[in-house]
Amino acid sequence: MFFSRKGKLKREFDEKLVRLIKETKDDFHHAKALEELIDDYNLDVIAQRKAAESIHFYLFKEARIRRVIIK
């Protein structure tokens, strides 16, 4: 009775996690491409890329721990 919502909640939050992973992947690739296009050494662009990269890989690691299948 009390545990019937567990599967529904897990599925809902897994879908939200997959959506976040896809969004951060796009942000990470955009930041990476922007860094490659910049000619000079810009610390702001590098910091933005590293932040996007760390967020993406953290979410990816969390999905692996939860055993979420990304389609």
N, C-alpha and C. Protein backbone atom coordinates (compact mmCIF):
# COMPACT_ATOMS: atom_id res chain seq x y z
N MET A 1 0.82 -1.18 0.00
CA MET A 1 0.00 0.00 0.00
C MET A 1 0.87 1.25 0.00
N PHE A 2 1.83 1.34 0.91
CA PHE A 2 2.66 2.54 0.99
C PHE A 2 3.76 2.55 -0.06
N PHE A 3 4.14 1.37 -0.53
CA PHE A 3 5.25 1.29 -1.46
C PHE A 3 4.82 1.26 -2.92
N SER A 4 3.56 1.44 -3.20
CA SER A 4 3.08 1.40 -4.58
C SER A 4 3.56 2.62 -5.37
N ARG A 5 3.84 3.71 -4.72
CA ARG A 5 4.30 4.93 -5.40
C ARG A 5 5.80 4.91 -5.67
N LYS A 6 6.52 3.96 -5.05
CA LYS A 6 7.97 3.93 -5.17
C LYS A 6 8.41 3.79 -6.63
N GLY A 7 7.80 2.86 -7.35
CA GLY A 7 8.16 2.67 -8.76
C GLY A 7 7.83 3.87 -9.61
N LYS A 8 6.69 4.48 -9.35
CA LYS A 8 6.29 5.66 -10.11
C LYS A 8 7.23 6.83 -9.86
N LEU A 9 7.62 7.04 -8.61
CA LEU A 9 8.54 8.13 -8.28
C LEU A 9 9.92 7.88 -8.87
N LYS A 10 10.40 6.63 -8.80
CA LYS A 10 11.70 6.30 -9.36
C LYS A 10 11.70 6.56 -10.86
N ARG A 11 10.66 6.13 -11.54
CA ARG A 11 10.56 6.34 -12.98
C ARG A 11 10.52 7.83 -13.32
N GLU A 12 9.78 8.59 -12.53
CA GLU A 12 9.67 10.03 -12.77
C GLU A 12 11.02 10.73 -12.60
N PHE A 13 11.73 10.41 -11.52
CA PHE A 13 13.01 11.07 -11.29
C PHE A 13 14.10 10.54 -12.21
N ASP A 14 13.99 9.30 -12.66
CA ASP A 14 14.93 8.79 -13.65
C ASP A 14 14.76 9.52 -14.98
N GLU A 15 13.51 9.78 -15.37
CA GLU A 15 13.26 10.54 -16.60
C GLU A 15 13.81 11.97 -16.48
N LYS A 16 13.64 12.55 -15.31
CA LYS A 16 14.17 13.91 -15.08
C LYS A 16 15.70 13.90 -15.16
N LEU A 17 16.33 12.86 -14.61
CA LEU A 17 17.78 12.74 -14.65
C LEU A 17 18.27 12.58 -16.08
N VAL A 18 17.60 11.77 -16.87
CA VAL A 18 17.99 11.58 -18.26
C VAL A 18 17.85 12.89 -19.03
N ARG A 19 16.79 13.63 -18.79
CA ARG A 19 16.60 14.92 -19.45
C ARG A 19 17.72 15.90 -19.07
N LEU A 20 18.10 15.91 -17.79
CA LEU A 20 19.19 16.78 -17.36
C LEU A 20 20.52 16.37 -17.98
N ILE A 21 20.75 15.08 -18.11
CA ILE A 21 22.00 14.60 -18.72
C ILE A 21 22.07 15.07 -20.17
N LYS A 22 20.97 14.97 -20.89
CA LYS A 22 20.97 15.40 -22.29
C LYS A 22 21.19 16.90 -22.40
N GLU A 23 20.58 17.68 -21.51
CA GLU A 23 20.76 19.13 -21.53
C GLU A 23 22.20 19.51 -21.20
N THR A 24 22.77 18.88 -20.18
CA THR A 24 24.15 19.22 -19.81
C THR A 24 25.14 18.73 -20.85
N LYS A 25 24.80 17.67 -21.57
CA LYS A 25 25.67 17.20 -22.65
C LYS A 25 25.74 18.26 -23.74
N ASP A 26 24.58 18.83 -24.08
CA ASP A 26 24.56 19.91 -25.08
C ASP A 26 25.35 21.12 -24.60
N ASP A 27 25.19 21.48 -23.33
CA ASP A 27 25.94 22.61 -22.76
C ASP A 27 27.44 22.34 -22.79
N PHE A 28 27.82 21.12 -22.45
CA PHE A 28 29.23 20.76 -22.42
C PHE A 28 29.84 20.81 -23.82
N HIS A 29 29.14 20.27 -24.81
CA HIS A 29 29.67 20.30 -26.18
C HIS A 29 29.71 21.73 -26.73
N HIS A 30 28.74 22.54 -26.34
CA HIS A 30 28.76 23.94 -26.77
C HIS A 30 29.95 24.68 -26.16
N ALA A 31 30.20 24.46 -24.86
CA ALA A 31 31.33 25.12 -24.19
C ALA A 31 32.66 24.62 -24.75
N LYS A 32 32.72 23.34 -25.08
CA LYS A 32 33.95 22.78 -25.66
C LYS A 32 34.22 23.37 -27.04
N ALA A 33 33.17 23.50 -27.85
CA ALA A 33 33.34 24.09 -29.18
C ALA A 33 33.71 25.57 -29.08
N LEU A 34 33.12 26.27 -28.12
CA LEU A 34 33.45 27.68 -27.93
C LEU A 34 34.91 27.85 -27.52
N GLU A 35 35.39 26.96 -26.67
CA GLU A 35 36.79 27.04 -26.25
C GLU A 35 37.73 26.78 -27.41
N GLU A 36 37.37 25.88 -28.32
CA GLU A 36 38.22 25.60 -29.47
C GLU A 36 38.23 26.76 -30.47
N LEU A 37 37.13 27.52 -30.51
CA LEU A 37 37.05 28.63 -31.46
C LEU A 37 37.78 29.88 -30.97
N ILE A 38 37.95 30.02 -29.67
CA ILE A 38 38.63 31.19 -29.11
C ILE A 38 40.13 31.08 -29.40
N ASP A 39 40.70 32.15 -29.95
CA ASP A 39 42.12 32.15 -30.30
C ASP A 39 43.01 32.38 -29.08
N ASP A 40 42.62 33.32 -28.24
CA ASP A 40 43.46 33.64 -27.09
C ASP A 40 43.11 32.77 -25.89
N TYR A 41 43.89 32.88 -24.86
CA TYR A 41 43.73 32.10 -23.64
C TYR A 41 42.79 32.84 -22.71
N ASN A 42 41.53 32.42 -22.66
CA ASN A 42 40.51 33.10 -21.88
C ASN A 42 40.11 32.20 -20.70
N LEU A 43 40.39 32.66 -19.49
CA LEU A 43 40.11 31.84 -18.31
C LEU A 43 38.62 31.65 -18.06
N ASP A 44 37.81 32.63 -18.42
CA ASP A 44 36.37 32.49 -18.23
C ASP A 44 35.79 31.36 -19.07
N VAL A 45 36.24 31.27 -20.31
CA VAL A 45 35.74 30.23 -21.21
C VAL A 45 36.20 28.86 -20.71
N ILE A 46 37.43 28.77 -20.25
CA ILE A 46 37.95 27.50 -19.73
C ILE A 46 37.20 27.09 -18.47
N ALA A 47 36.94 28.04 -17.59
CA ALA A 47 36.19 27.73 -16.37
C ALA A 47 34.76 27.30 -16.68
N GLN A 48 34.16 27.93 -17.68
CA GLN A 48 32.80 27.56 -18.07
C GLN A 48 32.78 26.14 -18.62
N ARG A 49 33.78 25.77 -19.42
CA ARG A 49 33.85 24.42 -19.96
C ARG A 49 34.07 23.38 -18.87
N LYS A 50 34.95 23.69 -17.93
CA LYS A 50 35.22 22.75 -16.85
C LYS A 50 34.01 22.57 -15.94
N ALA A 51 33.27 23.65 -15.71
CA ALA A 51 32.06 23.54 -14.89
C ALA A 51 31.01 22.69 -15.60
N ALA A 52 30.83 22.92 -16.89
CA ALA A 52 29.85 22.13 -17.65
C ALA A 52 30.27 20.67 -17.70
N GLU A 53 31.57 20.43 -17.84
CA GLU A 53 32.07 19.06 -17.88
C GLU A 53 31.86 18.34 -16.55
N SER A 54 32.15 19.01 -15.46
CA SER A 54 32.00 18.37 -14.15
C SER A 54 30.53 18.10 -13.83
N ILE A 55 29.63 19.01 -14.20
CA ILE A 55 28.20 18.79 -13.97
C ILE A 55 27.71 17.60 -14.79
N HIS A 56 28.12 17.54 -16.05
CA HIS A 56 27.68 16.44 -16.92
C HIS A 56 28.17 15.10 -16.41
N PHE A 57 29.44 15.01 -16.04
CA PHE A 57 29.97 13.73 -15.59
C PHE A 57 29.45 13.34 -14.22
N TYR A 58 29.11 14.31 -13.38
CA TYR A 58 28.49 13.99 -12.10
C TYR A 58 27.11 13.37 -12.32
N LEU A 59 26.32 13.96 -13.20
CA LEU A 59 24.99 13.40 -13.49
C LEU A 59 25.11 12.03 -14.15
N PHE A 60 26.10 11.86 -15.01
CA PHE A 60 26.30 10.57 -15.66
C PHE A 60 26.68 9.51 -14.63
N LYS A 61 27.52 9.88 -13.66
CA LYS A 61 27.90 8.95 -12.60
C LYS A 61 26.70 8.59 -11.73
N GLU A 62 25.86 9.56 -11.45
CA GLU A 62 24.65 9.31 -10.67
C GLU A 62 23.71 8.37 -11.40
N ALA A 63 23.60 8.52 -12.71
CA ALA A 63 22.76 7.62 -13.50
C ALA A 63 23.32 6.20 -13.47
N ARG A 64 24.62 6.08 -13.49
CA ARG A 64 25.23 4.75 -13.42
C ARG A 64 24.99 4.11 -12.07
N ILE A 65 25.04 4.88 -11.00
CA ILE A 65 24.77 4.35 -9.67
C ILE A 65 23.32 3.90 -9.55
N ARG A 66 22.40 4.69 -10.12
CA ARG A 66 20.97 4.35 -10.07
C ARG A 66 20.57 3.27 -11.06
N ARG A 67 21.51 2.93 -11.98
CA ARG A 67 21.26 1.95 -13.04
C ARG A 67 20.12 2.40 -13.97
N VAL A 68 20.24 3.64 -14.39
CA VAL A 68 19.28 4.23 -15.31
C VAL A 68 19.73 3.92 -16.73
N ILE A 69 18.79 3.50 -17.56
CA ILE A 69 19.09 3.22 -18.97
C ILE A 69 18.75 4.46 -19.78
N ILE A 70 19.75 5.00 -20.47
CA ILE A 70 19.57 6.20 -21.28
C ILE A 70 19.35 5.75 -22.73
N LYS A 71 18.21 6.13 -23.28
CA LYS A 71 17.87 5.71 -24.66
C LYS A 71 18.23 6.80 -25.63
